[in-house]
Amino acid sequence: MSESVFRVTIRGQFKDLSDESRQYLTRAQPEHDIFVSAYTPEGTFTYDDRILFFNLRYEVRCEGDDPKKQAELHAHKEAESFMRTMKFGHVFRSTTVTDVSEMWN
């Protein structure tokens, strides 16, 4: 069985941000603009300048019985860990999983 490559986009909304978090996000916003983002194994974090909504983008490589589901679960685990570590209150709204290895065949 060959490895599949997925691009996973998790969209969410900030919730109950502390003043400290909001100030950090305001200062760092230019570095997290959607136009400077990419899909990476570590994840790329982007958000709007109003600090309402965000995206996390992951490139996940999987194989097995249901690699698409594995990729989605892996990305969600990474996203939850990131948001918790950064202490950003949030709600995940949607997830899109695209098998880019299908495009290469």
PDB file of N, CA and C in Angstrom:
ATOM      1  N   MET A   1       0.848  -1.184   0.000  1.00  0.00           N
ATOM      2  CA  MET A   1       0.000   0.000   0.000  1.00  0.00           C
ATOM      3  C   MET A   1       0.888   1.239   0.000  1.00  0.00           C
ATOM      4  N   SER A   2       0.598   2.190  -0.858  1.00  0.00           N
ATOM      5  CA  SER A   2       1.414   3.390  -0.953  1.00  0.00           C
ATOM      6  C   SER A   2       0.922   4.479  -0.003  1.00  0.00           C
ATOM      7  N   GLU A   3       1.829   5.362   0.282  1.00  0.00           N
ATOM      8  CA  GLU A   3       1.525   6.481   1.170  1.00  0.00           C
ATOM      9  C   GLU A   3       0.689   7.519   0.421  1.00  0.00           C
ATOM     10  N   SER A   4      -0.293   8.070   1.111  1.00  0.00           N
ATOM     11  CA  SER A   4      -1.109   9.156   0.567  1.00  0.00           C
ATOM     12  C   SER A   4      -0.719  10.455   1.255  1.00  0.00           C
ATOM     13  N   VAL A   5      -0.840  11.533   0.503  1.00  0.00           N
ATOM     14  CA  VAL A   5      -0.524  12.856   1.032  1.00  0.00           C
ATOM     15  C   VAL A   5      -1.806  13.674   1.052  1.00  0.00           C
ATOM     16  N   PHE A   6      -2.094  14.236   2.218  1.00  0.00           N
ATOM     17  CA  PHE A   6      -3.326  15.003   2.403  1.00  0.00           C
ATOM     18  C   PHE A   6      -3.011  16.431   2.825  1.00  0.00           C
ATOM     19  N   ARG A   7      -3.830  17.330   2.343  1.00  0.00           N
ATOM     20  CA  ARG A   7      -3.828  18.702   2.833  1.00  0.00           C
ATOM     21  C   ARG A   7      -5.086  18.861   3.675  1.00  0.00           C
ATOM     22  N   VAL A   8      -4.873  19.203   4.928  1.00  0.00           N
ATOM     23  CA  VAL A   8      -5.985  19.330   5.870  1.00  0.00           C
ATOM     24  C   VAL A   8      -6.078  20.789   6.309  1.00  0.00           C
ATOM     25  N   THR A   9      -7.257  21.368   6.135  1.00  0.00           N
ATOM     26  CA  THR A   9      -7.518  22.728   6.585  1.00  0.00           C
ATOM     27  C   THR A   9      -8.577  22.668   7.677  1.00  0.00           C
ATOM     28  N   ILE A  10      -8.224  23.180   8.829  1.00  0.00           N
ATOM     29  CA  ILE A  10      -9.162  23.259   9.949  1.00  0.00           C
ATOM     30  C   ILE A  10      -9.499  24.733  10.139  1.00  0.00           C
ATOM     31  N   ARG A  11     -10.773  25.044  10.028  1.00  0.00           N
ATOM     32  CA  ARG A  11     -11.233  26.423  10.200  1.00  0.00           C
ATOM     33  C   ARG A  11     -11.902  26.539  11.568  1.00  0.00           C
ATOM     34  N   GLY A  12     -11.661  27.662  12.196  1.00  0.00           N
ATOM     35  CA  GLY A  12     -12.247  27.837  13.515  1.00  0.00           C
ATOM     36  C   GLY A  12     -12.481  29.291  13.841  1.00  0.00           C
ATOM     37  N   GLN A  13     -13.008  29.487  15.031  1.00  0.00           N
ATOM     38  CA  GLN A  13     -13.324  30.825  15.523  1.00  0.00           C
ATOM     39  C   GLN A  13     -12.702  30.979  16.900  1.00  0.00           C
ATOM     40  N   PHE A  14     -12.076  32.128  17.128  1.00  0.00           N
ATOM     41  CA  PHE A  14     -11.538  32.410  18.450  1.00  0.00           C
ATOM     42  C   PHE A  14     -12.696  32.588  19.433  1.00  0.00           C
ATOM     43  N   LYS A  15     -12.437  32.220  20.684  1.00  0.00           N
ATOM     44  CA  LYS A  15     -13.486  32.314  21.703  1.00  0.00           C
ATOM     45  C   LYS A  15     -12.838  32.683  23.036  1.00  0.00           C
ATOM     46  N   ASP A  16     -13.403  33.671  23.693  1.00  0.00           N
ATOM     47  CA  ASP A  16     -12.981  34.057  25.038  1.00  0.00           C
ATOM     48  C   ASP A  16     -11.474  34.273  25.153  1.00  0.00           C
ATOM     49  N   LEU A  17     -10.904  35.041  24.236  1.00  0.00           N
ATOM     50  CA  LEU A  17      -9.476  35.321  24.298  1.00  0.00           C
ATOM     51  C   LEU A  17      -9.157  36.253  25.458  1.00  0.00           C
ATOM     52  N   SER A  18      -8.059  35.990  26.122  1.00  0.00           N
ATOM     53  CA  SER A  18      -7.602  36.900  27.170  1.00  0.00           C
ATOM     54  C   SER A  18      -7.052  38.160  26.517  1.00  0.00           C
ATOM     55  N   ASP A  19      -6.910  39.226  27.288  1.00  0.00           N
ATOM     56  CA  ASP A  19      -6.327  40.459  26.759  1.00  0.00           C
ATOM     57  C   ASP A  19      -4.902  40.204  26.265  1.00  0.00           C
ATOM     58  N   GLU A  20      -4.163  39.392  26.994  1.00  0.00           N
ATOM     59  CA  GLU A  20      -2.788  39.059  26.619  1.00  0.00           C
ATOM     60  C   GLU A  20      -2.744  38.333  25.272  1.00  0.00           C
ATOM     61  N   SER A  21      -3.632  37.365  25.081  1.00  0.00           N
ATOM     62  CA  SER A  21      -3.689  36.631  23.811  1.00  0.00           C
ATOM     63  C   SER A  21      -4.074  37.547  22.662  1.00  0.00           C
ATOM     64  N   ARG A  22      -5.055  38.399  22.884  1.00  0.00           N
ATOM     65  CA  ARG A  22      -5.512  39.318  21.838  1.00  0.00           C
ATOM     66  C   ARG A  22      -4.388  40.288  21.453  1.00  0.00           C
ATOM     67  N   GLN A  23      -3.652  40.787  22.438  1.00  0.00           N
ATOM     68  CA  GLN A  23      -2.534  41.690  22.154  1.00  0.00           C
ATOM     69  C   GLN A  23      -1.448  40.962  21.356  1.00  0.00           C
ATOM     70  N   TYR A  24      -1.137  39.737  21.752  1.00  0.00           N
ATOM     71  CA  TYR A  24      -0.143  38.946  21.020  1.00  0.00           C
ATOM     72  C   TYR A  24      -0.586  38.750  19.566  1.00  0.00           C
ATOM     73  N   LEU A  25      -1.831  38.333  19.369  1.00  0.00           N
ATOM     74  CA  LEU A  25      -2.343  38.085  18.025  1.00  0.00           C
ATOM     75  C   LEU A  25      -2.348  39.358  17.181  1.00  0.00           C
ATOM     76  N   THR A  26      -2.647  40.483  17.784  1.00  0.00           N
ATOM     77  CA  THR A  26      -2.635  41.758  17.066  1.00  0.00           C
ATOM     78  C   THR A  26      -1.221  42.084  16.594  1.00  0.00           C
ATOM     79  N   ARG A  27      -0.237  41.928  17.474  1.00  0.00           N
ATOM     80  CA  ARG A  27       1.156  42.217  17.102  1.00  0.00           C
ATOM     81  C   ARG A  27       1.673  41.256  16.033  1.00  0.00           C
ATOM     82  N   ALA A  28       1.290  39.988  16.114  1.00  0.00           N
ATOM     83  CA  ALA A  28       1.838  38.952  15.225  1.00  0.00           C
ATOM     84  C   ALA A  28       1.053  38.776  13.934  1.00  0.00           C
ATOM     85  N   GLN A  29      -0.049  39.472  13.758  1.00  0.00           N
ATOM     86  CA  GLN A  29      -0.936  39.231  12.621  1.00  0.00           C
ATOM     87  C   GLN A  29      -0.243  39.276  11.260  1.00  0.00           C
ATOM     88  N   PRO A  30       0.655  40.228  10.985  1.00  0.00           N
ATOM     89  CA  PRO A  30       1.282  40.243   9.654  1.00  0.00           C
ATOM     90  C   PRO A  30       2.026  38.941   9.313  1.00  0.00           C
ATOM     91  N   GLU A  31       2.537  38.258  10.308  1.00  0.00           N
ATOM     92  CA  GLU A  31       3.248  36.997  10.094  1.00  0.00           C
ATOM     93  C   GLU A  31       2.296  35.833   9.847  1.00  0.00           C
ATOM     94  N   HIS A  32       1.016  36.025  10.092  1.00  0.00           N
ATOM     95  CA  HIS A  32       0.033  34.947  10.001  1.00  0.00           C
ATOM     96  C   HIS A  32      -1.068  35.257   8.994  1.00  0.00           C
ATOM     97  N   ASP A  33      -0.745  36.064   8.027  1.00  0.00           N
ATOM     98  CA  ASP A  33      -1.696  36.415   6.978  1.00  0.00           C
ATOM     99  C   ASP A  33      -1.908  35.218   6.059  1.00  0.00           C
ATOM    100  N   ILE A  34      -3.106  35.049   5.567  1.00  0.00           N
ATOM    101  CA  ILE A  34      -3.458  33.917   4.700  1.00  0.00           C
ATOM    102  C   ILE A  34      -2.577  33.869   3.455  1.00  0.00           C
ATOM    103  N   PHE A  35      -2.092  35.009   2.987  1.00  0.00           N
ATOM    104  CA  PHE A  35      -1.307  35.057   1.757  1.00  0.00           C
ATOM    105  C   PHE A  35       0.147  34.623   1.937  1.00  0.00           C
ATOM    106  N   VAL A  36       0.565  34.388   3.170  1.00  0.00           N
ATOM    107  CA  VAL A  36       1.931  33.898   3.422  1.00  0.00           C
ATOM    108  C   VAL A  36       1.905  32.513   4.051  1.00  0.00           C
ATOM    109  N   SER A  37       0.834  31.787   3.820  1.00  0.00           N
ATOM    110  CA  SER A  37       0.690  30.478   4.448  1.00  0.00           C
ATOM    111  C   SER A  37       0.959  29.349   3.464  1.00  0.00           C
ATOM    112  N   ALA A  38       1.195  28.172   4.028  1.00  0.00           N
ATOM    113  CA  ALA A  38       1.436  26.971   3.229  1.00  0.00           C
ATOM    114  C   ALA A  38       0.948  25.762   4.033  1.00  0.00           C
ATOM    115  N   TYR A  39       0.868  24.642   3.372  1.00  0.00           N
ATOM    116  CA  TYR A  39       0.567  23.387   4.062  1.00  0.00           C
ATOM    117  C   TYR A  39       1.898  22.768   4.470  1.00  0.00           C
ATOM    118  N   THR A  40       2.083  22.556   5.768  1.00  0.00           N
ATOM    119  CA  THR A  40       3.331  21.996   6.277  1.00  0.00           C
ATOM    120  C   THR A  40       3.033  20.888   7.277  1.00  0.00           C
ATOM    121  N   PRO A  41       3.979  19.978   7.498  1.00  0.00           N
ATOM    122  CA  PRO A  41       3.770  18.942   8.512  1.00  0.00           C
ATOM    123  C   PRO A  41       3.558  19.531   9.912  1.00  0.00           C
ATOM    124  N   GLU A  42       4.208  20.660  10.197  1.00  0.00           N
ATOM    125  CA  GLU A  42       4.094  21.291  11.517  1.00  0.00           C
ATOM    126  C   GLU A  42       2.815  22.093  11.658  1.00  0.00           C
ATOM    127  N   GLY A  43       2.230  22.444  10.541  1.00  0.00           N
ATOM    128  CA  GLY A  43       1.020  23.259  10.548  1.00  0.00           C
ATOM    129  C   GLY A  43       1.334  24.729  10.356  1.00  0.00           C
ATOM    130  N   THR A  44       0.444  25.414   9.680  1.00  0.00           N
ATOM    131  CA  THR A  44       0.545  26.855   9.466  1.00  0.00           C
ATOM    132  C   THR A  44      -0.719  27.490  10.032  1.00  0.00           C
ATOM    133  N   PHE A  45      -0.518  28.516  10.830  1.00  0.00           N
ATOM    134  CA  PHE A  45      -1.596  29.194  11.539  1.00  0.00           C
ATOM    135  C   PHE A  45      -1.823  30.550  10.908  1.00  0.00           C
ATOM    136  N   THR A  46      -3.026  30.800  10.410  1.00  0.00           N
ATOM    137  CA  THR A  46      -3.382  32.093   9.845  1.00  0.00           C
ATOM    138  C   THR A  46      -4.687  32.567  10.478  1.00  0.00           C
ATOM    139  N   TYR A  47      -4.873  33.876  10.464  1.00  0.00           N
ATOM    140  CA  TYR A  47      -6.124  34.424  11.005  1.00  0.00           C
ATOM    141  C   TYR A  47      -6.388  35.794  10.417  1.00  0.00           C
ATOM    142  N   ASP A  48      -7.643  36.198  10.516  1.00  0.00           N
ATOM    143  CA  ASP A  48      -8.048  37.479   9.949  1.00  0.00           C
ATOM    144  C   ASP A  48      -7.606  38.629  10.852  1.00  0.00           C
ATOM    145  N   ASP A  49      -7.543  39.826  10.282  1.00  0.00           N
ATOM    146  CA  ASP A  49      -7.059  40.977  11.039  1.00  0.00           C
ATOM    147  C   ASP A  49      -8.029  41.432  12.122  1.00  0.00           C
ATOM    148  N   ARG A  50      -9.254  40.957  12.084  1.00  0.00           N
ATOM    149  CA  ARG A  50     -10.218  41.285  13.150  1.00  0.00           C
ATOM    150  C   ARG A  50     -10.082  40.334  14.332  1.00  0.00           C
ATOM    151  N   ILE A  51      -9.261  39.306  14.162  1.00  0.00           N
ATOM    152  CA  ILE A  51      -9.015  38.282  15.174  1.00  0.00           C
ATOM    153  C   ILE A  51     -10.332  37.617  15.586  1.00  0.00           C
ATOM    154  N   LEU A  52     -11.068  37.185  14.573  1.00  0.00           N
ATOM    155  CA  LEU A  52     -12.310  36.453  14.796  1.00  0.00           C
ATOM    156  C   LEU A  52     -12.172  34.990  14.369  1.00  0.00           C
ATOM    157  N   PHE A  53     -11.596  34.780  13.182  1.00  0.00           N
ATOM    158  CA  PHE A  53     -11.526  33.436  12.606  1.00  0.00           C
ATOM    159  C   PHE A  53     -10.079  33.060  12.296  1.00  0.00           C
ATOM    160  N   PHE A  54      -9.813  31.756  12.274  1.00  0.00           N
ATOM    161  CA  PHE A  54      -8.468  31.277  11.987  1.00  0.00           C
ATOM    162  C   PHE A  54      -8.523  30.021  11.125  1.00  0.00           C
ATOM    163  N   ASN A  55      -7.386  29.709  10.523  1.00  0.00           N
ATOM    164  CA  ASN A  55      -7.175  28.470   9.774  1.00  0.00           C
ATOM    165  C   ASN A  55      -5.891  27.829  10.273  1.00  0.00           C
ATOM    166  N   LEU A  56      -5.900  26.532  10.344  1.00  0.00           N
ATOM    167  CA  LEU A  56      -4.689  25.752  10.564  1.00  0.00           C
ATOM    168  C   LEU A  56      -4.559  24.821   9.374  1.00  0.00           C
ATOM    169  N   ARG A  57      -3.387  24.817   8.743  1.00  0.00           N
ATOM    170  CA  ARG A  57      -3.174  24.023   7.533  1.00  0.00           C
ATOM    171  C   ARG A  57      -2.053  23.023   7.778  1.00  0.00           C
ATOM    172  N   TYR A  58      -2.341  21.770   7.469  1.00  0.00           N
ATOM    173  CA  TYR A  58      -1.379  20.694   7.680  1.00  0.00           C
ATOM    174  C   TYR A  58      -1.204  19.870   6.415  1.00  0.00           C
ATOM    175  N   GLU A  59       0.016  19.402   6.196  1.00  0.00           N
ATOM    176  CA  GLU A  59       0.269  18.370   5.202  1.00  0.00           C
ATOM    177  C   GLU A  59       0.533  17.097   5.995  1.00  0.00           C
ATOM    178  N   VAL A  60      -0.279  16.077   5.741  1.00  0.00           N
ATOM    179  CA  VAL A  60      -0.192  14.834   6.507  1.00  0.00           C
ATOM    180  C   VAL A  60      -0.007  13.675   5.538  1.00  0.00           C
ATOM    181  N   ARG A  61       0.959  12.827   5.837  1.00  0.00           N
ATOM    182  CA  ARG A  61       1.214  11.635   5.023  1.00  0.00           C
ATOM    183  C   ARG A  61       0.768  10.417   5.815  1.00  0.00           C
ATOM    184  N   CYS A  62      -0.062   9.580   5.191  1.00  0.00           N
ATOM    185  CA  CYS A  62      -0.625   8.409   5.869  1.00  0.00           C
ATOM    186  C   CYS A  62      -0.742   7.244   4.901  1.00  0.00           C
ATOM    187  N   GLU A  63      -0.798   6.058   5.475  1.00  0.00           N
ATOM    188  CA  GLU A  63      -1.160   4.867   4.714  1.00  0.00           C
ATOM    189  C   GLU A  63      -1.974   3.982   5.649  1.00  0.00           C
ATOM    190  N   GLY A  64      -2.597   2.982   5.107  1.00  0.00           N
ATOM    191  CA  GLY A  64      -3.426   2.108   5.927  1.00  0.00           C
ATOM    192  C   GLY A  64      -4.814   1.979   5.355  1.00  0.00           C
ATOM    193  N   ASP A  65      -5.720   1.475   6.196  1.00  0.00           N
ATOM    194  CA  ASP A  65      -7.081   1.193   5.735  1.00  0.00           C
ATOM    195  C   ASP A  65      -7.880   2.442   5.394  1.00  0.00           C
ATOM    196  N   ASP A  66      -7.766   3.471   6.209  1.00  0.00           N
ATOM    197  CA  ASP A  66      -8.530   4.699   5.975  1.00  0.00           C
ATOM    198  C   ASP A  66      -7.609   5.895   6.179  1.00  0.00           C
ATOM    199  N   PRO A  67      -6.680   6.116   5.240  1.00  0.00           N
ATOM    200  CA  PRO A  67      -5.693   7.174   5.447  1.00  0.00           C
ATOM    201  C   PRO A  67      -6.302   8.575   5.538  1.00  0.00           C
ATOM    202  N   LYS A  68      -7.398   8.802   4.851  1.00  0.00           N
ATOM    203  CA  LYS A  68      -8.039  10.120   4.907  1.00  0.00           C
ATOM    204  C   LYS A  68      -8.510  10.417   6.330  1.00  0.00           C
ATOM    205  N   LYS A  69      -9.143   9.442   6.964  1.00  0.00           N
ATOM    206  CA  LYS A  69      -9.611   9.622   8.344  1.00  0.00           C
ATOM    207  C   LYS A  69      -8.427   9.773   9.294  1.00  0.00           C
ATOM    208  N   GLN A  70      -7.364   8.997   9.072  1.00  0.00           N
ATOM    209  CA  GLN A  70      -6.162   9.118   9.899  1.00  0.00           C
ATOM    210  C   GLN A  70      -5.566  10.519   9.790  1.00  0.00           C
ATOM    211  N   ALA A  71      -5.524  11.040   8.569  1.00  0.00           N
ATOM    212  CA  ALA A  71      -4.986  12.389   8.348  1.00  0.00           C
ATOM    213  C   ALA A  71      -5.816  13.429   9.088  1.00  0.00           C
ATOM    214  N   GLU A  72      -7.135  13.291   9.011  1.00  0.00           N
ATOM    215  CA  GLU A  72      -8.019  14.238   9.700  1.00  0.00           C
ATOM    216  C   GLU A  72      -7.818  14.171  11.211  1.00  0.00           C
ATOM    217  N   LEU A  73      -7.755  12.978  11.760  1.00  0.00           N
ATOM    218  CA  LEU A  73      -7.563  12.824  13.204  1.00  0.00           C
ATOM    219  C   LEU A  73      -6.207  13.366  13.652  1.00  0.00           C
ATOM    220  N   HIS A  74      -5.172  13.091  12.866  1.00  0.00           N
ATOM    221  CA  HIS A  74      -3.841  13.588  13.194  1.00  0.00           C
ATOM    222  C   HIS A  74      -3.826  15.124  13.210  1.00  0.00           C
ATOM    223  N   ALA A  75      -4.402  15.733  12.187  1.00  0.00           N
ATOM    224  CA  ALA A  75      -4.427  17.194  12.101  1.00  0.00           C
ATOM    225  C   ALA A  75      -5.215  17.799  13.264  1.00  0.00           C
ATOM    226  N   HIS A  76      -6.330  17.187  13.619  1.00  0.00           N
ATOM    227  CA  HIS A  76      -7.119  17.707  14.749  1.00  0.00           C
ATOM    228  C   HIS A  76      -6.345  17.610  16.055  1.00  0.00           C
ATOM    229  N   LYS A  77      -5.632  16.529  16.238  1.00  0.00           N
ATOM    230  CA  LYS A  77      -4.817  16.366  17.450  1.00  0.00           C
ATOM    231  C   LYS A  77      -3.748  17.460  17.505  1.00  0.00           C
ATOM    232  N   GLU A  78      -3.079  17.698  16.374  1.00  0.00           N
ATOM    233  CA  GLU A  78      -2.056  18.743  16.304  1.00  0.00           C
ATOM    234  C   GLU A  78      -2.661  20.131  16.536  1.00  0.00           C
ATOM    235  N   ALA A  79      -3.806  20.388  15.928  1.00  0.00           N
ATOM    236  CA  ALA A  79      -4.465  21.689  16.068  1.00  0.00           C
ATOM    237  C   ALA A  79      -4.882  21.940  17.512  1.00  0.00           C
ATOM    238  N   GLU A  80      -5.462  20.941  18.127  1.00  0.00           N
ATOM    239  CA  GLU A  80      -5.888  21.088  19.528  1.00  0.00           C
ATOM    240  C   GLU A  80      -4.687  21.338  20.432  1.00  0.00           C
ATOM    241  N   SER A  81      -3.612  20.633  20.197  1.00  0.00           N
ATOM    242  CA  SER A  81      -2.393  20.812  20.988  1.00  0.00           C
ATOM    243  C   SER A  81      -1.835  22.222  20.808  1.00  0.00           C
ATOM    244  N   PHE A  82      -1.800  22.701  19.575  1.00  0.00           N
ATOM    245  CA  PHE A  82      -1.299  24.046  19.304  1.00  0.00           C
ATOM    246  C   PHE A  82      -2.148  25.102  20.011  1.00  0.00           C
ATOM    247  N   MET A  83      -3.447  25.030  19.832  1.00  0.00           N
ATOM    248  CA  MET A  83      -4.329  26.038  20.426  1.00  0.00           C
ATOM    249  C   MET A  83      -4.257  26.015  21.953  1.00  0.00           C
ATOM    250  N   ARG A  84      -4.155  24.839  22.522  1.00  0.00           N
ATOM    251  CA  ARG A  84      -4.040  24.712  23.984  1.00  0.00           C
ATOM    252  C   ARG A  84      -2.703  25.273  24.470  1.00  0.00           C
ATOM    253  N   THR A  85      -1.619  24.958  23.772  1.00  0.00           N
ATOM    254  CA  THR A  85      -0.297  25.453  24.151  1.00  0.00           C
ATOM    255  C   THR A  85      -0.249  26.979  24.092  1.00  0.00           C
ATOM    256  N   MET A  86      -0.866  27.550  23.061  1.00  0.00           N
ATOM    257  CA  MET A  86      -0.877  29.002  22.910  1.00  0.00           C
ATOM    258  C   MET A  86      -1.923  29.671  23.806  1.00  0.00           C
ATOM    259  N   LYS A  87      -2.763  28.873  24.433  1.00  0.00           N
ATOM    260  CA  LYS A  87      -3.828  29.369  25.327  1.00  0.00           C
ATOM    261  C   LYS A  87      -4.829  30.252  24.582  1.00  0.00           C
ATOM    262  N   PHE A  88      -5.160  29.824  23.348  1.00  0.00           N
ATOM    263  CA  PHE A  88      -6.154  30.523  22.539  1.00  0.00           C
ATOM    264  C   PHE A  88      -7.483  29.793  22.662  1.00  0.00           C
ATOM    265  N   GLY A  89      -8.480  30.458  23.261  1.00  0.00           N
ATOM    266  CA  GLY A  89      -9.811  29.888  23.285  1.00  0.00           C
ATOM    267  C   GLY A  89     -10.327  29.769  21.861  1.00  0.00           C
ATOM    268  N   HIS A  90     -11.035  28.687  21.574  1.00  0.00           N
ATOM    269  CA  HIS A  90     -11.440  28.448  20.188  1.00  0.00           C
ATOM    270  C   HIS A  90     -12.585  27.451  20.083  1.00  0.00           C
ATOM    271  N   VAL A  91     -13.174  27.451  18.900  1.00  0.00           N
ATOM    272  CA  VAL A  91     -14.156  26.452  18.492  1.00  0.00           C
ATOM    273  C   VAL A  91     -13.786  26.081  17.056  1.00  0.00           C
ATOM    274  N   PHE A  92     -13.591  24.790  16.806  1.00  0.00           N
ATOM    275  CA  PHE A  92     -13.351  24.349  15.431  1.00  0.00           C
ATOM    276  C   PHE A  92     -14.691  24.324  14.708  1.00  0.00           C
ATOM    277  N   ARG A  93     -14.738  24.910  13.509  1.00  0.00           N
ATOM    278  CA  ARG A  93     -15.989  25.019  12.751  1.00  0.00           C
ATOM    279  C   ARG A  93     -16.090  24.031  11.594  1.00  0.00           C
ATOM    280  N   SER A  94     -14.991  23.793  10.882  1.00  0.00           N
ATOM    281  CA  SER A  94     -15.049  22.864   9.747  1.00  0.00           C
ATOM    282  C   SER A  94     -13.659  22.333   9.434  1.00  0.00           C
ATOM    283  N   THR A  95     -13.655  21.208   8.756  1.00  0.00           N
ATOM    284  CA  THR A  95     -12.403  20.577   8.344  1.00  0.00           C
ATOM    285  C   THR A  95     -12.545  20.117   6.904  1.00  0.00           C
ATOM    286  N   THR A  96     -11.519  20.415   6.108  1.00  0.00           N
ATOM    287  CA  THR A  96     -11.468  19.961   4.724  1.00  0.00           C
ATOM    288  C   THR A  96     -10.221  19.109   4.559  1.00  0.00           C
ATOM    289  N   VAL A  97     -10.398  17.913   4.010  1.00  0.00           N
ATOM    290  CA  VAL A  97      -9.274  17.007   3.777  1.00  0.00           C
ATOM    291  C   VAL A  97      -9.215  16.711   2.275  1.00  0.00           C
ATOM    292  N   THR A  98      -8.082  17.037   1.670  1.00  0.00           N
ATOM    293  CA  THR A  98      -7.890  16.815   0.239  1.00  0.00           C
ATOM    294  C   THR A  98      -6.734  15.868   0.017  1.00  0.00           C
ATOM    295  N   ASP A  99      -6.982  14.800  -0.731  1.00  0.00           N
ATOM    296  CA  ASP A  99      -5.938  13.835  -1.053  1.00  0.00           C
ATOM    297  C   ASP A  99      -5.185  14.360  -2.264  1.00  0.00           C
ATOM    298  N   VAL A 100      -4.039  14.997  -2.039  1.00  0.00           N
ATOM    299  CA  VAL A 100      -3.297  15.564  -3.159  1.00  0.00           C
ATOM    300  C   VAL A 100      -2.514  14.499  -3.926  1.00  0.00           C
ATOM    301  N   SER A 101      -2.298  13.339  -3.326  1.00  0.00           N
ATOM    302  CA  SER A 101      -1.606  12.276  -4.055  1.00  0.00           C
ATOM    303  C   SER A 101      -2.444  11.791  -5.233  1.00  0.00           C
ATOM    304  N   GLU A 102      -3.766  11.939  -5.155  1.00  0.00           N
ATOM    305  CA  GLU A 102      -4.632  11.573  -6.286  1.00  0.00           C
ATOM    306  C   GLU A 102      -4.400  12.493  -7.481  1.00  0.00           C
ATOM    307  N   MET A 103      -4.012  13.730  -7.206  1.00  0.00           N
ATOM    308  CA  MET A 103      -3.754  14.690  -8.268  1.00  0.00           C
ATOM    309  C   MET A 103      -2.491  14.353  -9.050  1.00  0.00           C
ATOM    310  N   TRP A 104      -1.571  13.645  -8.399  1.00  0.00           N
ATOM    311  CA  TRP A 104      -0.296  13.318  -9.023  1.00  0.00           C
ATOM    312  C   TRP A 104      -0.382  12.084  -9.907  1.00  0.00           C
ATOM    313  N   ASN A 105      -1.452  11.304  -9.788  1.00  0.00           N
ATOM    314  CA  ASN A 105      -1.578  10.063 -10.571  1.00  0.00           C
ATOM    315  C   ASN A 105      -2.237  10.314 -11.899  1.00  0.00           C
TER     316      ASN A 105
END
